[in-house]
């Protein structure tokens, strides 16, 4: 199991994509979203409250997610659900990420293999 966490700078631009991807599997409250990202990434990715909730509020304001208060375990929690707009947005973000990661891998491959 990996022990190094991803630097915050790398995570910042991808927080929306991670949240929307997790929500595409079903509605969750904030803590559960953060925990699921940690589990799926084998603890390499960790969202703190300072980045999770502002991103969720931004996604809600943009219409990518909806939120409603629900009672879970006796206390109210805000539960987030992805919308059709959010599904389109995550598909586009995933495509952009694949293109970006491919380009970075190409450059890193050149550096690893030496100049042509």
N, C-alpha and C. Protein backbone atom coordinates (compact mmCIF):
# COMPACT_ATOMS: atom_id res chain seq x y z
N UNK A 1 0.84 -1.19 0.00
CA UNK A 1 0.00 0.00 0.00
C UNK A 1 0.88 1.24 0.00
N UNK A 2 0.60 2.22 -0.87
CA UNK A 2 1.40 3.44 -0.92
C UNK A 2 1.31 4.22 0.38
N UNK A 3 2.39 4.90 0.73
CA UNK A 3 2.40 5.67 1.98
C UNK A 3 2.54 7.16 1.75
N UNK A 4 2.85 7.60 0.55
CA UNK A 4 3.04 9.01 0.26
C UNK A 4 1.76 9.62 -0.26
N UNK A 5 1.36 10.75 0.31
CA UNK A 5 0.17 11.44 -0.17
C UNK A 5 0.54 12.38 -1.30
N UNK A 6 -0.42 12.62 -2.17
CA UNK A 6 -0.23 13.53 -3.29
C UNK A 6 -0.18 14.96 -2.77
N UNK A 7 0.74 15.74 -3.30
CA UNK A 7 0.85 17.13 -2.88
C UNK A 7 -0.44 17.89 -3.17
N UNK A 8 -0.74 18.83 -2.30
CA UNK A 8 -1.97 19.60 -2.40
C UNK A 8 -2.11 20.32 -3.73
N UNK A 9 -1.00 20.80 -4.29
CA UNK A 9 -1.07 21.53 -5.56
C UNK A 9 -1.62 20.66 -6.68
N UNK A 10 -1.28 19.38 -6.66
CA UNK A 10 -1.76 18.46 -7.69
C UNK A 10 -3.24 18.15 -7.51
N UNK A 11 -3.69 18.17 -6.28
CA UNK A 11 -5.08 17.83 -5.98
C UNK A 11 -6.04 18.98 -6.28
N UNK A 12 -5.58 20.22 -6.08
CA UNK A 12 -6.46 21.39 -6.19
C UNK A 12 -7.27 21.45 -7.48
N UNK A 13 -6.65 21.30 -8.60
CA UNK A 13 -7.35 21.43 -9.87
C UNK A 13 -8.22 20.25 -10.22
N UNK A 14 -8.19 19.21 -9.40
CA UNK A 14 -8.94 17.99 -9.72
C UNK A 14 -9.99 17.63 -8.68
N UNK A 15 -10.17 18.49 -7.70
CA UNK A 15 -11.12 18.19 -6.62
C UNK A 15 -12.54 18.01 -7.14
N UNK A 16 -12.98 18.86 -8.04
CA UNK A 16 -14.34 18.74 -8.59
C UNK A 16 -14.53 17.41 -9.29
N UNK A 17 -13.56 17.02 -10.10
CA UNK A 17 -13.67 15.74 -10.82
C UNK A 17 -13.74 14.57 -9.86
N UNK A 18 -12.95 14.60 -8.80
CA UNK A 18 -12.97 13.51 -7.83
C UNK A 18 -14.31 13.44 -7.11
N UNK A 19 -14.82 14.58 -6.68
CA UNK A 19 -16.11 14.61 -5.97
C UNK A 19 -17.23 14.14 -6.89
N UNK A 20 -17.28 14.66 -8.10
CA UNK A 20 -18.35 14.28 -9.03
C UNK A 20 -18.27 12.79 -9.37
N UNK A 21 -17.08 12.26 -9.52
CA UNK A 21 -16.93 10.84 -9.83
C UNK A 21 -17.47 9.99 -8.70
N UNK A 22 -17.14 10.34 -7.47
CA UNK A 22 -17.63 9.58 -6.32
C UNK A 22 -19.15 9.70 -6.22
N UNK A 23 -19.68 10.89 -6.45
CA UNK A 23 -21.14 11.07 -6.38
C UNK A 23 -21.87 10.39 -7.53
N UNK A 24 -21.18 10.10 -8.62
CA UNK A 24 -21.84 9.42 -9.73
C UNK A 24 -22.23 7.99 -9.35
N UNK A 25 -21.68 7.48 -8.26
CA UNK A 25 -22.03 6.15 -7.76
C UNK A 25 -23.20 6.19 -6.78
N UNK A 26 -23.58 7.39 -6.34
CA UNK A 26 -24.72 7.51 -5.43
C UNK A 26 -24.54 8.68 -4.49
N UNK A 27 -25.63 9.13 -3.86
CA UNK A 27 -25.58 10.28 -2.96
C UNK A 27 -24.78 9.99 -1.69
N UNK A 28 -24.08 11.00 -1.21
CA UNK A 28 -23.27 10.88 0.01
C UNK A 28 -23.22 12.21 0.74
N UNK A 29 -22.93 12.17 2.03
CA UNK A 29 -22.67 13.40 2.77
C UNK A 29 -21.18 13.71 2.69
N UNK A 30 -20.78 14.90 3.09
CA UNK A 30 -19.42 15.38 2.89
C UNK A 30 -18.34 14.46 3.41
N UNK A 31 -18.45 14.03 4.67
CA UNK A 31 -17.42 13.17 5.24
C UNK A 31 -17.29 11.88 4.45
N UNK A 32 -18.41 11.31 4.03
CA UNK A 32 -18.38 10.06 3.26
C UNK A 32 -17.73 10.26 1.90
N UNK A 33 -17.91 11.43 1.30
CA UNK A 33 -17.25 11.73 0.02
C UNK A 33 -15.74 11.71 0.22
N UNK A 34 -15.26 12.43 1.23
CA UNK A 34 -13.83 12.50 1.50
C UNK A 34 -13.26 11.12 1.81
N UNK A 35 -13.97 10.37 2.61
CA UNK A 35 -13.50 9.04 3.00
C UNK A 35 -13.44 8.10 1.80
N UNK A 36 -14.45 8.16 0.92
CA UNK A 36 -14.47 7.28 -0.25
C UNK A 36 -13.30 7.60 -1.19
N UNK A 37 -12.98 8.88 -1.35
CA UNK A 37 -11.83 9.27 -2.18
C UNK A 37 -10.55 8.70 -1.58
N UNK A 38 -10.43 8.78 -0.26
CA UNK A 38 -9.25 8.20 0.40
C UNK A 38 -9.16 6.70 0.17
N UNK A 39 -10.27 6.01 0.33
CA UNK A 39 -10.28 4.55 0.18
C UNK A 39 -9.95 4.16 -1.26
N UNK A 40 -10.62 4.81 -2.23
CA UNK A 40 -10.40 4.47 -3.63
C UNK A 40 -8.96 4.77 -4.08
N UNK A 41 -8.35 5.77 -3.49
CA UNK A 41 -6.97 6.13 -3.86
C UNK A 41 -5.93 5.45 -2.98
N UNK A 42 -6.38 4.53 -2.16
CA UNK A 42 -5.48 3.84 -1.22
C UNK A 42 -4.72 4.84 -0.35
N UNK A 43 -5.45 5.84 0.12
CA UNK A 43 -4.94 6.89 1.02
C UNK A 43 -3.92 7.83 0.40
N UNK A 44 -3.82 7.86 -0.91
CA UNK A 44 -2.93 8.82 -1.57
C UNK A 44 -3.58 10.19 -1.67
N UNK A 45 -4.90 10.22 -1.79
CA UNK A 45 -5.63 11.49 -1.93
C UNK A 45 -6.46 11.73 -0.68
N UNK A 46 -6.33 12.92 -0.14
CA UNK A 46 -7.06 13.27 1.08
C UNK A 46 -7.59 14.69 0.94
N UNK A 47 -8.91 14.84 1.08
CA UNK A 47 -9.52 16.16 1.02
C UNK A 47 -9.84 16.61 2.44
N UNK A 48 -9.37 17.79 2.79
CA UNK A 48 -9.74 18.34 4.09
C UNK A 48 -11.00 19.20 3.93
N UNK A 49 -11.58 19.59 5.05
CA UNK A 49 -12.82 20.38 5.01
C UNK A 49 -12.63 21.70 4.28
N UNK A 50 -11.43 22.26 4.36
CA UNK A 50 -11.16 23.55 3.73
C UNK A 50 -11.18 23.51 2.21
N UNK A 51 -11.04 22.33 1.63
CA UNK A 51 -11.15 22.22 0.18
C UNK A 51 -12.43 21.48 -0.23
N UNK A 52 -12.88 20.54 0.58
CA UNK A 52 -14.07 19.76 0.24
C UNK A 52 -15.33 20.61 0.19
N UNK A 53 -15.64 21.31 1.27
CA UNK A 53 -16.92 22.02 1.34
C UNK A 53 -17.00 23.23 0.41
N UNK A 54 -15.96 24.01 0.25
CA UNK A 54 -16.05 25.08 -0.76
C UNK A 54 -16.28 24.53 -2.17
N UNK A 55 -15.65 23.40 -2.48
CA UNK A 55 -15.86 22.80 -3.80
C UNK A 55 -17.28 22.29 -3.93
N UNK A 56 -17.80 21.64 -2.90
CA UNK A 56 -19.19 21.17 -2.94
C UNK A 56 -20.15 22.35 -3.11
N UNK A 57 -19.92 23.44 -2.41
CA UNK A 57 -20.80 24.62 -2.54
C UNK A 57 -20.71 25.21 -3.94
N UNK A 58 -19.52 25.24 -4.50
CA UNK A 58 -19.35 25.73 -5.87
C UNK A 58 -20.07 24.83 -6.87
N UNK A 59 -19.94 23.52 -6.70
CA UNK A 59 -20.64 22.58 -7.58
C UNK A 59 -22.15 22.72 -7.45
N UNK A 60 -22.61 22.98 -6.23
CA UNK A 60 -24.05 23.17 -6.00
C UNK A 60 -24.52 24.47 -6.68
N UNK A 61 -23.77 25.54 -6.52
CA UNK A 61 -24.12 26.81 -7.15
C UNK A 61 -24.11 26.71 -8.67
N UNK A 62 -23.25 25.87 -9.20
CA UNK A 62 -23.12 25.67 -10.65
C UNK A 62 -24.20 24.72 -11.19
N UNK A 63 -24.90 24.04 -10.31
CA UNK A 63 -25.94 23.11 -10.76
C UNK A 63 -25.43 21.71 -11.06
N UNK A 64 -24.18 21.42 -10.67
CA UNK A 64 -23.61 20.09 -10.92
C UNK A 64 -24.03 19.09 -9.85
N UNK A 65 -24.37 19.60 -8.66
CA UNK A 65 -24.89 18.75 -7.59
C UNK A 65 -26.07 19.45 -6.92
N UNK A 66 -26.89 18.65 -6.28
CA UNK A 66 -27.94 19.18 -5.41
C UNK A 66 -27.66 18.70 -4.01
N UNK A 67 -28.19 19.41 -3.03
CA UNK A 67 -27.97 19.03 -1.64
C UNK A 67 -29.27 19.16 -0.87
N UNK A 68 -29.47 18.25 0.06
CA UNK A 68 -30.64 18.29 0.92
C UNK A 68 -30.26 17.74 2.29
N UNK A 69 -30.86 18.32 3.32
CA UNK A 69 -30.60 17.84 4.67
C UNK A 69 -31.38 16.55 4.88
N UNK A 70 -30.68 15.55 5.43
CA UNK A 70 -31.29 14.26 5.74
C UNK A 70 -30.85 13.84 7.13
N UNK A 71 -31.67 13.01 7.76
CA UNK A 71 -31.29 12.46 9.06
C UNK A 71 -30.61 11.12 8.86
N UNK A 72 -29.37 11.04 9.34
CA UNK A 72 -28.63 9.77 9.28
C UNK A 72 -28.03 9.52 10.64
N UNK A 73 -28.41 8.42 11.26
CA UNK A 73 -27.87 8.12 12.58
C UNK A 73 -28.32 9.09 13.65
N UNK A 74 -29.51 9.67 13.47
CA UNK A 74 -30.07 10.55 14.48
C UNK A 74 -29.71 12.01 14.35
N UNK A 75 -28.77 12.35 13.47
CA UNK A 75 -28.44 13.77 13.33
C UNK A 75 -28.53 14.18 11.87
N UNK A 76 -28.92 15.43 11.63
CA UNK A 76 -29.05 15.88 10.24
C UNK A 76 -27.69 16.06 9.57
N UNK A 77 -27.64 15.63 8.32
CA UNK A 77 -26.44 15.80 7.51
C UNK A 77 -26.88 16.24 6.12
N UNK A 78 -26.04 17.06 5.50
CA UNK A 78 -26.33 17.49 4.15
C UNK A 78 -25.85 16.40 3.19
N UNK A 79 -26.77 15.91 2.37
CA UNK A 79 -26.47 14.83 1.44
C UNK A 79 -26.42 15.41 0.03
N UNK A 80 -25.38 15.05 -0.71
CA UNK A 80 -25.15 15.59 -2.05
C UNK A 80 -25.45 14.55 -3.11
N UNK A 81 -26.07 15.01 -4.21
CA UNK A 81 -26.40 14.15 -5.35
C UNK A 81 -25.93 14.83 -6.63
N UNK A 82 -25.38 14.04 -7.55
CA UNK A 82 -24.95 14.57 -8.82
C UNK A 82 -26.17 14.79 -9.72
N UNK A 83 -26.14 15.83 -10.53
CA UNK A 83 -27.21 16.12 -11.47
C UNK A 83 -26.78 15.69 -12.88
N UNK A 84 -27.69 15.81 -13.83
CA UNK A 84 -27.34 15.51 -15.22
C UNK A 84 -26.21 16.43 -15.69
N UNK A 85 -26.27 17.68 -15.30
CA UNK A 85 -25.20 18.62 -15.64
C UNK A 85 -23.87 18.16 -15.04
N UNK A 86 -23.91 17.69 -13.81
CA UNK A 86 -22.71 17.19 -13.16
C UNK A 86 -22.14 15.97 -13.86
N UNK A 87 -23.01 15.10 -14.36
CA UNK A 87 -22.55 13.91 -15.10
C UNK A 87 -21.85 14.33 -16.40
N UNK A 88 -22.41 15.31 -17.07
CA UNK A 88 -21.74 15.81 -18.29
C UNK A 88 -20.40 16.45 -17.94
N UNK A 89 -20.40 17.20 -16.85
CA UNK A 89 -19.18 17.89 -16.42
C UNK A 89 -18.09 16.89 -16.05
N UNK A 90 -18.42 15.83 -15.33
CA UNK A 90 -17.39 14.86 -14.92
C UNK A 90 -16.86 14.10 -16.14
N UNK A 91 -17.70 13.86 -17.12
CA UNK A 91 -17.22 13.20 -18.34
C UNK A 91 -16.19 14.09 -19.05
N UNK A 92 -16.46 15.38 -19.12
CA UNK A 92 -15.53 16.32 -19.75
C UNK A 92 -14.25 16.45 -18.94
N UNK A 93 -14.38 16.53 -17.63
CA UNK A 93 -13.20 16.64 -16.77
C UNK A 93 -12.33 15.39 -16.88
N UNK A 94 -12.96 14.23 -16.96
CA UNK A 94 -12.20 12.98 -17.10
C UNK A 94 -11.44 12.95 -18.43
N UNK A 95 -12.09 13.42 -19.48
CA UNK A 95 -11.43 13.47 -20.79
C UNK A 95 -10.23 14.43 -20.75
N UNK A 96 -10.43 15.60 -20.16
CA UNK A 96 -9.34 16.57 -20.03
C UNK A 96 -8.19 15.97 -19.23
N UNK A 97 -8.51 15.26 -18.15
CA UNK A 97 -7.48 14.66 -17.31
C UNK A 97 -6.68 13.61 -18.09
N UNK A 98 -7.36 12.76 -18.83
CA UNK A 98 -6.66 11.72 -19.59
C UNK A 98 -5.70 12.36 -20.60
N UNK A 99 -6.15 13.42 -21.26
CA UNK A 99 -5.28 14.11 -22.23
C UNK A 99 -4.09 14.76 -21.52
N UNK A 100 -4.33 15.41 -20.41
CA UNK A 100 -3.27 16.06 -19.65
C UNK A 100 -2.27 15.02 -19.12
N UNK A 101 -2.78 13.97 -18.50
CA UNK A 101 -1.91 12.93 -17.94
C UNK A 101 -1.09 12.27 -19.04
N UNK A 102 -1.69 12.04 -20.19
CA UNK A 102 -0.96 11.46 -21.31
C UNK A 102 0.18 12.35 -21.76
N UNK A 103 -0.09 13.65 -21.83
CA UNK A 103 0.94 14.59 -22.25
C UNK A 103 2.07 14.64 -21.22
N UNK A 104 1.73 14.68 -19.94
CA UNK A 104 2.76 14.70 -18.90
C UNK A 104 3.57 13.41 -18.94
N UNK A 105 2.90 12.28 -19.11
CA UNK A 105 3.61 11.00 -19.20
C UNK A 105 4.56 10.97 -20.39
N UNK A 106 4.14 11.57 -21.50
CA UNK A 106 5.03 11.63 -22.67
C UNK A 106 6.29 12.41 -22.35
N UNK A 107 6.13 13.56 -21.72
CA UNK A 107 7.28 14.39 -21.37
C UNK A 107 8.16 13.66 -20.36
N UNK A 108 7.57 13.09 -19.34
CA UNK A 108 8.35 12.37 -18.34
C UNK A 108 9.05 11.17 -18.96
N UNK A 109 8.43 10.54 -19.93
CA UNK A 109 9.04 9.42 -20.62
C UNK A 109 10.27 9.84 -21.38
N UNK A 110 10.24 11.01 -21.99
CA UNK A 110 11.40 11.54 -22.71
C UNK A 110 12.53 11.77 -21.74
N UNK A 111 12.21 12.37 -20.59
CA UNK A 111 13.23 12.65 -19.59
C UNK A 111 13.82 11.33 -19.05
N UNK A 112 13.00 10.32 -18.88
CA UNK A 112 13.45 9.03 -18.37
C UNK A 112 14.30 8.29 -19.38
N UNK A 113 13.89 8.32 -20.65
CA UNK A 113 14.57 7.57 -21.70
C UNK A 113 15.74 8.34 -22.30
N UNK A 114 15.83 9.61 -22.00
CA UNK A 114 16.91 10.43 -22.57
C UNK A 114 16.45 11.06 -23.86
N UNK A 115 17.20 12.05 -24.35
CA UNK A 115 16.81 12.75 -25.59
C UNK A 115 16.85 11.82 -26.79
N UNK A 116 15.99 12.12 -27.77
CA UNK A 116 15.91 11.29 -28.99
C UNK A 116 17.06 11.58 -29.91
